[in-house]
All heavy atoms as atom14 arrays in JSON, in Angstrom:
{
  "sequence": "FGGLVIAFPLIATQIYKFIAPGLYKNERNAFLPFLIASPILFLMG",
  "atom14_mask": [
    [1, 1, 1, 1, 1, 1, 1, 1, 1, 1, 1, 0, 0, 0],
    [1, 1, 1, 1, 0, 0, 0, 0, 0, 0, 0, 0, 0, 0],
    [1, 1, 1, 1, 0, 0, 0, 0, 0, 0, 0, 0, 0, 0],
    [1, 1, 1, 1, 1, 1, 1, 1, 0, 0, 0, 0, 0, 0],
    [1, 1, 1, 1, 1, 1, 1, 0, 0, 0, 0, 0, 0, 0],
    [1, 1, 1, 1, 1, 1, 1, 1, 0, 0, 0, 0, 0, 0],
    [1, 1, 1, 1, 1, 0, 0, 0, 0, 0, 0, 0, 0, 0],
    [1, 1, 1, 1, 1, 1, 1, 1, 1, 1, 1, 0, 0, 0],
    [1, 1, 1, 1, 1, 1, 1, 0, 0, 0, 0, 0, 0, 0],
    [1, 1, 1, 1, 1, 1, 1, 1, 0, 0, 0, 0, 0, 0],
    [1, 1, 1, 1, 1, 1, 1, 1, 0, 0, 0, 0, 0, 0],
    [1, 1, 1, 1, 1, 0, 0, 0, 0, 0, 0, 0, 0, 0],
    [1, 1, 1, 1, 1, 1, 1, 0, 0, 0, 0, 0, 0, 0],
    [1, 1, 1, 1, 1, 1, 1, 1, 1, 0, 0, 0, 0, 0],
    [1, 1, 1, 1, 1, 1, 1, 1, 0, 0, 0, 0, 0, 0],
    [1, 1, 1, 1, 1, 1, 1, 1, 1, 1, 1, 1, 0, 0],
    [1, 1, 1, 1, 1, 1, 1, 1, 1, 0, 0, 0, 0, 0],
    [1, 1, 1, 1, 1, 1, 1, 1, 1, 1, 1, 0, 0, 0],
    [1, 1, 1, 1, 1, 1, 1, 1, 0, 0, 0, 0, 0, 0],
    [1, 1, 1, 1, 1, 0, 0, 0, 0, 0, 0, 0, 0, 0],
    [1, 1, 1, 1, 1, 1, 1, 0, 0, 0, 0, 0, 0, 0],
    [1, 1, 1, 1, 0, 0, 0, 0, 0, 0, 0, 0, 0, 0],
    [1, 1, 1, 1, 1, 1, 1, 1, 0, 0, 0, 0, 0, 0],
    [1, 1, 1, 1, 1, 1, 1, 1, 1, 1, 1, 1, 0, 0],
    [1, 1, 1, 1, 1, 1, 1, 1, 1, 0, 0, 0, 0, 0],
    [1, 1, 1, 1, 1, 1, 1, 1, 0, 0, 0, 0, 0, 0],
    [1, 1, 1, 1, 1, 1, 1, 1, 1, 0, 0, 0, 0, 0],
    [1, 1, 1, 1, 1, 1, 1, 1, 1, 1, 1, 0, 0, 0],
    [1, 1, 1, 1, 1, 1, 1, 1, 0, 0, 0, 0, 0, 0],
    [1, 1, 1, 1, 1, 0, 0, 0, 0, 0, 0, 0, 0, 0],
    [1, 1, 1, 1, 1, 1, 1, 1, 1, 1, 1, 0, 0, 0],
    [1, 1, 1, 1, 1, 1, 1, 1, 0, 0, 0, 0, 0, 0],
    [1, 1, 1, 1, 1, 1, 1, 0, 0, 0, 0, 0, 0, 0],
    [1, 1, 1, 1, 1, 1, 1, 1, 1, 1, 1, 0, 0, 0],
    [1, 1, 1, 1, 1, 1, 1, 1, 0, 0, 0, 0, 0, 0],
    [1, 1, 1, 1, 1, 1, 1, 1, 0, 0, 0, 0, 0, 0],
    [1, 1, 1, 1, 1, 0, 0, 0, 0, 0, 0, 0, 0, 0],
    [1, 1, 1, 1, 1, 1, 0, 0, 0, 0, 0, 0, 0, 0],
    [1, 1, 1, 1, 1, 1, 1, 0, 0, 0, 0, 0, 0, 0],
    [1, 1, 1, 1, 1, 1, 1, 1, 0, 0, 0, 0, 0, 0],
    [1, 1, 1, 1, 1, 1, 1, 1, 0, 0, 0, 0, 0, 0],
    [1, 1, 1, 1, 1, 1, 1, 1, 1, 1, 1, 0, 0, 0],
    [1, 1, 1, 1, 1, 1, 1, 1, 0, 0, 0, 0, 0, 0],
    [1, 1, 1, 1, 1, 1, 1, 1, 0, 0, 0, 0, 0, 0],
    [1, 1, 1, 1, 0, 0, 0, 0, 0, 0, 0, 0, 0, 0]
  ],
  "atom14_positions": [
    [[3.66, -18.65, -2.66], [4.64, -17.63, -2.32], [4.76, -16.6, -3.44], [4.69, -15.39, -3.21], [5.99, -18.31, -2.05], [7.13, -17.36, -1.84], [7.23, -16.61, -0.69], [8.12, -17.22, -2.79], [8.28, -15.73, -0.49], [9.17, -16.36, -2.62], [9.26, -15.6, -1.45], [0.0, 0.0, 0.0], [0.0, 0.0, 0.0], [0.0, 0.0, 0.0]],
    [[4.92, -17.09, -4.68], [5.02, -16.17, -5.81], [3.74, -15.39, -6.05], [3.78, -14.19, -6.37], [0.0, 0.0, 0.0], [0.0, 0.0, 0.0], [0.0, 0.0, 0.0], [0.0, 0.0, 0.0], [0.0, 0.0, 0.0], [0.0, 0.0, 0.0], [0.0, 0.0, 0.0], [0.0, 0.0, 0.0], [0.0, 0.0, 0.0], [0.0, 0.0, 0.0]],
    [[2.59, -16.06, -5.88], [1.32, -15.37, -6.06], [1.12, -14.26, -5.06], [0.61, -13.18, -5.4], [0.0, 0.0, 0.0], [0.0, 0.0, 0.0], [0.0, 0.0, 0.0], [0.0, 0.0, 0.0], [0.0, 0.0, 0.0], [0.0, 0.0, 0.0], [0.0, 0.0, 0.0], [0.0, 0.0, 0.0], [0.0, 0.0, 0.0], [0.0, 0.0, 0.0]],
    [[1.54, -14.49, -3.82], [1.41, -13.46, -2.79], [2.31, -12.27, -3.09], [1.9, -11.1, -2.93], [1.76, -14.04, -1.43], [1.6, -13.12, -0.21], [0.15, -12.67, -0.08], [2.06, -13.81, 1.06], [0.0, 0.0, 0.0], [0.0, 0.0, 0.0], [0.0, 0.0, 0.0], [0.0, 0.0, 0.0], [0.0, 0.0, 0.0], [0.0, 0.0, 0.0]],
    [[3.53, -12.54, -3.55], [4.46, -11.45, -3.88], [3.94, -10.63, -5.05], [3.95, -9.4, -5.03], [5.86, -12.02, -4.18], [6.78, -10.93, -4.73], [6.47, -12.64, -2.93], [0.0, 0.0, 0.0], [0.0, 0.0, 0.0], [0.0, 0.0, 0.0], [0.0, 0.0, 0.0], [0.0, 0.0, 0.0], [0.0, 0.0, 0.0], [0.0, 0.0, 0.0]],
    [[3.46, -11.32, -6.09], [2.97, -10.62, -7.29], [1.7, -9.84, -6.99], [1.52, -8.7, -7.46], [2.75, -11.62, -8.43], [4.09, -12.23, -8.88], [2.05, -10.94, -9.62], [3.95, -13.32, -9.9], [0.0, 0.0, 0.0], [0.0, 0.0, 0.0], [0.0, 0.0, 0.0], [0.0, 0.0, 0.0], [0.0, 0.0, 0.0], [0.0, 0.0, 0.0]],
    [[0.8, -10.45, -6.2], [-0.49, -9.81, -5.93], [-0.42, -8.79, -4.8], [-1.41, -8.08, -4.57], [-1.53, -10.87, -5.59], [0.0, 0.0, 0.0], [0.0, 0.0, 0.0], [0.0, 0.0, 0.0], [0.0, 0.0, 0.0], [0.0, 0.0, 0.0], [0.0, 0.0, 0.0], [0.0, 0.0, 0.0], [0.0, 0.0, 0.0], [0.0, 0.0, 0.0]],
    [[0.71, -8.68, -4.11], [0.78, -7.77, -2.97], [0.45, -6.32, -3.33], [-0.29, -5.66, -2.6], [2.16, -7.84, -2.31], [2.32, -6.88, -1.16], [1.78, -7.18, 0.08], [2.99, -5.67, -1.32], [1.9, -6.3, 1.15], [3.11, -4.79, -0.27], [2.57, -5.1, 0.97], [0.0, 0.0, 0.0], [0.0, 0.0, 0.0], [0.0, 0.0, 0.0]],
    [[0.97, -5.76, -4.45], [0.59, -4.38, -4.78], [-0.91, -4.21, -4.95], [-1.48, -3.2, -4.5], [1.34, -4.12, -6.09], [2.5, -5.05, -6.06], [2.0, -6.28, -5.38], [0.0, 0.0, 0.0], [0.0, 0.0, 0.0], [0.0, 0.0, 0.0], [0.0, 0.0, 0.0], [0.0, 0.0, 0.0], [0.0, 0.0, 0.0], [0.0, 0.0, 0.0]],
    [[-1.57, -5.2, -5.57], [-3.02, -5.12, -5.74], [-3.72, -5.2, -4.38], [-4.64, -4.43, -4.1], [-3.5, -6.25, -6.65], [-5.03, -6.39, -6.79], [-5.63, -5.15, -7.43], [-5.38, -7.65, -7.59], [0.0, 0.0, 0.0], [0.0, 0.0, 0.0], [0.0, 0.0, 0.0], [0.0, 0.0, 0.0], [0.0, 0.0, 0.0], [0.0, 0.0, 0.0]],
    [[-3.27, -6.13, -3.52], [-3.89, -6.29, -2.2], [-3.71, -5.02, -1.37], [-4.64, -4.53, -0.72], [-3.29, -7.51, -1.48], [-3.63, -8.79, -2.24], [-3.8, -7.6, -0.04], [-2.93, -10.03, -1.71], [0.0, 0.0, 0.0], [0.0, 0.0, 0.0], [0.0, 0.0, 0.0], [0.0, 0.0, 0.0], [0.0, 0.0, 0.0], [0.0, 0.0, 0.0]],
    [[-2.49, -4.46, -1.4], [-2.23, -3.23, -0.64], [-3.08, -2.08, -1.17], [-3.59, -1.26, -0.39], [-0.74, -2.88, -0.72], [0.0, 0.0, 0.0], [0.0, 0.0, 0.0], [0.0, 0.0, 0.0], [0.0, 0.0, 0.0], [0.0, 0.0, 0.0], [0.0, 0.0, 0.0], [0.0, 0.0, 0.0], [0.0, 0.0, 0.0], [0.0, 0.0, 0.0]],
    [[-3.26, -2.02, -2.48], [-4.09, -0.96, -3.07], [-5.54, -1.1, -2.63], [-6.2, -0.09, -2.32], [-3.99, -1.01, -4.6], [-2.62, -0.85, -5.0], [-4.84, 0.08, -5.24], [0.0, 0.0, 0.0], [0.0, 0.0, 0.0], [0.0, 0.0, 0.0], [0.0, 0.0, 0.0], [0.0, 0.0, 0.0], [0.0, 0.0, 0.0], [0.0, 0.0, 0.0]],
    [[-6.04, -2.33, -2.59], [-7.43, -2.54, -2.16], [-7.61, -2.18, -0.69], [-8.65, -1.6, -0.31], [-7.83, -4.0, -2.41], [-7.83, -4.42, -3.87], [-8.71, -3.53, -4.73], [-9.85, -3.25, -4.38], [-8.16, -3.09, -5.85], [0.0, 0.0, 0.0], [0.0, 0.0, 0.0], [0.0, 0.0, 0.0], [0.0, 0.0, 0.0], [0.0, 0.0, 0.0]],
    [[-6.62, -2.49, 0.13], [-6.69, -2.1, 1.54], [-6.72, -0.59, 1.67], [-7.5, -0.02, 2.44], [-5.5, -2.7, 2.33], [-5.6, -4.23, 2.36], [-5.46, -2.15, 3.75], [-4.4, -4.9, 2.98], [0.0, 0.0, 0.0], [0.0, 0.0, 0.0], [0.0, 0.0, 0.0], [0.0, 0.0, 0.0], [0.0, 0.0, 0.0], [0.0, 0.0, 0.0]],
    [[-5.87, 0.07, 0.9], [-5.81, 1.54, 0.94], [-7.14, 2.15, 0.48], [-7.65, 3.09, 1.09], [-4.66, 2.04, 0.07], [-4.61, 3.54, -0.06], [-4.16, 4.33, 1.0], [-5.03, 4.17, -1.23], [-4.13, 5.71, 0.89], [-5.0, 5.55, -1.34], [-4.55, 6.31, -0.29], [-4.53, 7.67, -0.39], [0.0, 0.0, 0.0], [0.0, 0.0, 0.0]],
    [[-7.71, 1.61, -0.6], [-8.97, 2.15, -1.1], [-10.11, 1.94, -0.11], [-11.07, 2.73, -0.09], [-9.32, 1.48, -2.45], [-8.46, 1.95, -3.61], [-8.91, 1.32, -4.91], [-8.09, 1.84, -6.09], [-8.53, 1.24, -7.37], [0.0, 0.0, 0.0], [0.0, 0.0, 0.0], [0.0, 0.0, 0.0], [0.0, 0.0, 0.0], [0.0, 0.0, 0.0]],
    [[-10.02, 0.89, 0.71], [-11.08, 0.64, 1.69], [-10.99, 1.61, 2.86], [-12.01, 2.09, 3.36], [-10.99, -0.81, 2.19], [-12.03, -1.14, 3.23], [-13.36, -1.28, 2.88], [-11.66, -1.32, 4.55], [-14.32, -1.57, 3.84], [-12.61, -1.62, 5.51], [-13.94, -1.75, 5.17], [0.0, 0.0, 0.0], [0.0, 0.0, 0.0], [0.0, 0.0, 0.0]],
    [[-9.77, 1.9, 3.33], [-9.62, 2.76, 4.51], [-9.49, 4.23, 4.15], [-9.69, 5.09, 5.02], [-8.4, 2.33, 5.35], [-7.09, 2.56, 4.58], [-8.53, 0.89, 5.79], [-5.86, 2.27, 5.39], [0.0, 0.0, 0.0], [0.0, 0.0, 0.0], [0.0, 0.0, 0.0], [0.0, 0.0, 0.0], [0.0, 0.0, 0.0], [0.0, 0.0, 0.0]],
    [[-9.17, 4.55, 2.88], [-8.94, 5.95, 2.49], [-10.14, 6.85, 2.73], [-9.97, 7.99, 3.17], [-8.5, 6.01, 1.03], [0.0, 0.0, 0.0], [0.0, 0.0, 0.0], [0.0, 0.0, 0.0], [0.0, 0.0, 0.0], [0.0, 0.0, 0.0], [0.0, 0.0, 0.0], [0.0, 0.0, 0.0], [0.0, 0.0, 0.0], [0.0, 0.0, 0.0]],
    [[-11.38, 6.41, 2.45], [-12.51, 7.32, 2.7], [-12.66, 7.74, 4.16], [-13.28, 8.77, 4.43], [-13.73, 6.48, 2.24], [-13.18, 5.53, 1.24], [-11.82, 5.19, 1.76], [0.0, 0.0, 0.0], [0.0, 0.0, 0.0], [0.0, 0.0, 0.0], [0.0, 0.0, 0.0], [0.0, 0.0, 0.0], [0.0, 0.0, 0.0], [0.0, 0.0, 0.0]],
    [[-12.14, 6.97, 5.09], [-12.22, 7.33, 6.5], [-11.09, 8.2, 6.99], [-11.01, 8.5, 8.19], [0.0, 0.0, 0.0], [0.0, 0.0, 0.0], [0.0, 0.0, 0.0], [0.0, 0.0, 0.0], [0.0, 0.0, 0.0], [0.0, 0.0, 0.0], [0.0, 0.0, 0.0], [0.0, 0.0, 0.0], [0.0, 0.0, 0.0], [0.0, 0.0, 0.0]],
    [[-10.19, 8.6, 6.09], [-9.05, 9.42, 6.46], [-9.24, 10.84, 5.94], [-9.92, 11.08, 4.95], [-7.75, 8.84, 5.86], [-7.39, 7.41, 6.26], [-6.16, 6.96, 5.49], [-7.13, 7.3, 7.76], [0.0, 0.0, 0.0], [0.0, 0.0, 0.0], [0.0, 0.0, 0.0], [0.0, 0.0, 0.0], [0.0, 0.0, 0.0], [0.0, 0.0, 0.0]],
    [[-8.64, 11.79, 6.66], [-8.6, 13.15, 6.16], [-7.69, 13.22, 4.94], [-6.86, 12.33, 4.71], [-8.1, 14.12, 7.24], [-8.99, 14.2, 8.44], [-8.46, 14.1, 9.73], [-10.36, 14.4, 8.3], [-9.28, 14.18, 10.85], [-11.18, 14.48, 9.41], [-10.64, 14.37, 10.68], [-11.45, 14.45, 11.77], [0.0, 0.0, 0.0], [0.0, 0.0, 0.0]],
    [[-7.82, 14.3, 4.19], [-7.02, 14.44, 2.97], [-5.53, 14.44, 3.27], [-4.74, 13.8, 2.57], [-7.41, 15.72, 2.24], [-6.7, 15.9, 0.9], [-7.16, 17.15, 0.19], [-6.43, 17.32, -1.14], [-6.86, 18.55, -1.85], [0.0, 0.0, 0.0], [0.0, 0.0, 0.0], [0.0, 0.0, 0.0], [0.0, 0.0, 0.0], [0.0, 0.0, 0.0]],
    [[-5.14, 15.16, 4.34], [-3.71, 15.19, 4.67], [-3.21, 13.84, 5.15], [-2.06, 13.47, 4.94], [-3.45, 16.27, 5.73], [-4.19, 15.98, 7.03], [-5.27, 15.38, 7.01], [-3.64, 16.41, 8.14], [0.0, 0.0, 0.0], [0.0, 0.0, 0.0], [0.0, 0.0, 0.0], [0.0, 0.0, 0.0], [0.0, 0.0, 0.0], [0.0, 0.0, 0.0]],
    [[-4.1, 13.06, 5.81], [-3.71, 11.71, 6.24], [-3.55, 10.78, 5.05], [-2.64, 9.94, 5.03], [-4.76, 11.16, 7.21], [-4.8, 11.88, 8.54], [-5.92, 11.4, 9.43], [-6.92, 10.88, 8.89], [-5.81, 11.56, 10.66], [0.0, 0.0, 0.0], [0.0, 0.0, 0.0], [0.0, 0.0, 0.0], [0.0, 0.0, 0.0], [0.0, 0.0, 0.0]],
    [[-4.42, 10.91, 4.04], [-4.28, 10.1, 2.83], [-2.98, 10.43, 2.1], [-2.27, 9.54, 1.63], [-5.48, 10.32, 1.89], [-6.78, 9.76, 2.43], [-7.82, 9.66, 1.34], [-8.21, 10.98, 0.83], [-9.2, 11.71, 1.31], [-9.93, 11.25, 2.32], [-9.5, 12.88, 0.78], [0.0, 0.0, 0.0], [0.0, 0.0, 0.0], [0.0, 0.0, 0.0]],
    [[-2.67, 11.72, 2.02], [-1.43, 12.12, 1.35], [-0.2, 11.65, 2.12], [0.84, 11.36, 1.52], [-1.39, 13.65, 1.22], [-2.46, 14.18, 0.28], [-2.93, 13.45, -0.6], [-2.86, 15.42, 0.46], [0.0, 0.0, 0.0], [0.0, 0.0, 0.0], [0.0, 0.0, 0.0], [0.0, 0.0, 0.0], [0.0, 0.0, 0.0], [0.0, 0.0, 0.0]],
    [[-0.31, 11.54, 3.45], [0.82, 11.08, 4.25], [0.97, 9.56, 4.18], [2.09, 9.04, 4.25], [0.63, 11.51, 5.71], [0.0, 0.0, 0.0], [0.0, 0.0, 0.0], [0.0, 0.0, 0.0], [0.0, 0.0, 0.0], [0.0, 0.0, 0.0], [0.0, 0.0, 0.0], [0.0, 0.0, 0.0], [0.0, 0.0, 0.0], [0.0, 0.0, 0.0]],
    [[-0.14, 8.85, 4.03], [-0.1, 7.38, 4.03], [0.38, 6.82, 2.7], [1.03, 5.76, 2.67], [-1.51, 6.85, 4.35], [-1.56, 5.37, 4.57], [-1.13, 4.81, 5.75], [-2.04, 4.52, 3.57], [-1.18, 3.45, 5.96], [-2.09, 3.15, 3.76], [-1.66, 2.61, 4.96], [0.0, 0.0, 0.0], [0.0, 0.0, 0.0], [0.0, 0.0, 0.0]],
    [[0.08, 7.51, 1.6], [0.38, 6.99, 0.27], [1.87, 6.72, 0.04], [2.23, 5.67, -0.52], [-0.17, 7.94, -0.79], [-0.17, 7.43, -2.23], [-0.99, 6.15, -2.34], [-0.74, 8.49, -3.18], [0.0, 0.0, 0.0], [0.0, 0.0, 0.0], [0.0, 0.0, 0.0], [0.0, 0.0, 0.0], [0.0, 0.0, 0.0], [0.0, 0.0, 0.0]],
    [[2.8, 7.61, 0.44], [4.22, 7.3, 0.22], [4.69, 6.02, 0.91], [5.51, 5.29, 0.36], [4.94, 8.52, 0.8], [3.94, 9.61, 0.74], [2.62, 8.97, 0.98], [0.0, 0.0, 0.0], [0.0, 0.0, 0.0], [0.0, 0.0, 0.0], [0.0, 0.0, 0.0], [0.0, 0.0, 0.0], [0.0, 0.0, 0.0], [0.0, 0.0, 0.0]],
    [[4.13, 5.74, 2.09], [4.51, 4.52, 2.8], [3.97, 3.29, 2.09], [4.59, 2.22, 2.1], [4.0, 4.57, 4.24], [4.6, 5.67, 5.05], [3.89, 6.81, 5.33], [5.9, 5.59, 5.51], [4.44, 7.85, 6.07], [6.47, 6.6, 6.25], [5.74, 7.74, 6.53], [0.0, 0.0, 0.0], [0.0, 0.0, 0.0], [0.0, 0.0, 0.0]],
    [[2.82, 3.43, 1.45], [2.25, 2.32, 0.67], [3.14, 1.98, -0.51], [3.25, 0.82, -0.91], [0.84, 2.7, 0.19], [0.01, 1.61, -0.47], [-0.32, 0.51, 0.52], [-1.27, 2.2, -1.05], [0.0, 0.0, 0.0], [0.0, 0.0, 0.0], [0.0, 0.0, 0.0], [0.0, 0.0, 0.0], [0.0, 0.0, 0.0], [0.0, 0.0, 0.0]],
    [[3.79, 2.98, -1.07], [4.7, 2.76, -2.19], [6.05, 2.24, -1.69], [6.66, 1.36, -2.31], [4.89, 4.06, -2.99], [3.54, 4.51, -3.59], [5.92, 3.89, -4.09], [3.58, 5.87, -4.24], [0.0, 0.0, 0.0], [0.0, 0.0, 0.0], [0.0, 0.0, 0.0], [0.0, 0.0, 0.0], [0.0, 0.0, 0.0], [0.0, 0.0, 0.0]],
    [[6.52, 2.77, -0.56], [7.84, 2.39, -0.05], [7.88, 0.97, 0.48], [8.91, 0.3, 0.38], [8.26, 3.36, 1.06], [0.0, 0.0, 0.0], [0.0, 0.0, 0.0], [0.0, 0.0, 0.0], [0.0, 0.0, 0.0], [0.0, 0.0, 0.0], [0.0, 0.0, 0.0], [0.0, 0.0, 0.0], [0.0, 0.0, 0.0], [0.0, 0.0, 0.0]],
    [[6.77, 0.49, 1.01], [6.76, -0.84, 1.64], [7.15, -1.96, 0.67], [8.06, -2.75, 0.96], [5.39, -1.11, 2.26], [5.37, -2.35, 2.93], [0.0, 0.0, 0.0], [0.0, 0.0, 0.0], [0.0, 0.0, 0.0], [0.0, 0.0, 0.0], [0.0, 0.0, 0.0], [0.0, 0.0, 0.0], [0.0, 0.0, 0.0], [0.0, 0.0, 0.0]],
    [[6.5, -2.11, -0.51], [6.92, -3.18, -1.43], [8.32, -2.98, -1.98], [9.03, -3.95, -2.24], [5.86, -3.14, -2.55], [5.27, -1.78, -2.47], [5.32, -1.39, -1.04], [0.0, 0.0, 0.0], [0.0, 0.0, 0.0], [0.0, 0.0, 0.0], [0.0, 0.0, 0.0], [0.0, 0.0, 0.0], [0.0, 0.0, 0.0], [0.0, 0.0, 0.0]],
    [[8.74, -1.72, -2.15], [10.1, -1.47, -2.65], [11.13, -1.96, -1.65], [12.11, -2.63, -2.01], [10.29, 0.03, -2.95], [9.4, 0.45, -4.13], [11.75, 0.34, -3.26], [9.44, 1.93, -4.43], [0.0, 0.0, 0.0], [0.0, 0.0, 0.0], [0.0, 0.0, 0.0], [0.0, 0.0, 0.0], [0.0, 0.0, 0.0], [0.0, 0.0, 0.0]],
    [[10.91, -1.67, -0.37], [11.84, -2.12, 0.67], [11.83, -3.64, 0.79], [12.86, -4.27, 1.01], [11.49, -1.48, 2.01], [11.79, 0.02, 2.12], [11.23, 0.58, 3.42], [13.3, 0.27, 2.04], [0.0, 0.0, 0.0], [0.0, 0.0, 0.0], [0.0, 0.0, 0.0], [0.0, 0.0, 0.0], [0.0, 0.0, 0.0], [0.0, 0.0, 0.0]],
    [[10.64, -4.25, 0.65], [10.56, -5.72, 0.7], [11.37, -6.34, -0.44], [12.1, -7.32, -0.24], [9.1, -6.18, 0.62], [8.92, -7.66, 0.77], [8.74, -8.22, 2.01], [8.94, -8.5, -0.34], [8.58, -9.6, 2.17], [8.79, -9.86, -0.21], [8.6, -10.42, 1.05], [0.0, 0.0, 0.0], [0.0, 0.0, 0.0], [0.0, 0.0, 0.0]],
    [[11.24, -5.78, -1.64], [12.0, -6.3, -2.78], [13.5, -6.09, -2.6], [14.31, -6.93, -3.03], [11.52, -5.63, -4.07], [10.11, -6.0, -4.54], [9.73, -5.2, -5.76], [10.02, -7.5, -4.83], [0.0, 0.0, 0.0], [0.0, 0.0, 0.0], [0.0, 0.0, 0.0], [0.0, 0.0, 0.0], [0.0, 0.0, 0.0], [0.0, 0.0, 0.0]],
    [[13.89, -4.99, -1.94], [15.3, -4.78, -1.66], [15.84, -5.86, -0.73], [16.93, -6.39, -0.93], [15.5, -3.4, -1.04], [15.32, -2.24, -2.0], [15.4, -0.62, -1.19], [17.08, -0.68, -0.51], [0.0, 0.0, 0.0], [0.0, 0.0, 0.0], [0.0, 0.0, 0.0], [0.0, 0.0, 0.0], [0.0, 0.0, 0.0], [0.0, 0.0, 0.0]],
    [[15.07, -6.19, 0.31], [15.47, -7.27, 1.21], [15.53, -8.61, 0.49], [16.47, -9.4, 0.71], [0.0, 0.0, 0.0], [0.0, 0.0, 0.0], [0.0, 0.0, 0.0], [0.0, 0.0, 0.0], [0.0, 0.0, 0.0], [0.0, 0.0, 0.0], [0.0, 0.0, 0.0], [0.0, 0.0, 0.0], [0.0, 0.0, 0.0], [0.0, 0.0, 0.0]]
  ]
}
């Protein structure tokens, strides 16, 4: 449980780096804020 929580930012970053080349520039810029907001909201909960 703790390992998943700690490694989640790294895992999310790797997912983003894998799918980012297939996105347009404006789509990458739109997706990045949600990638940052997701772990913050999880930690708030």
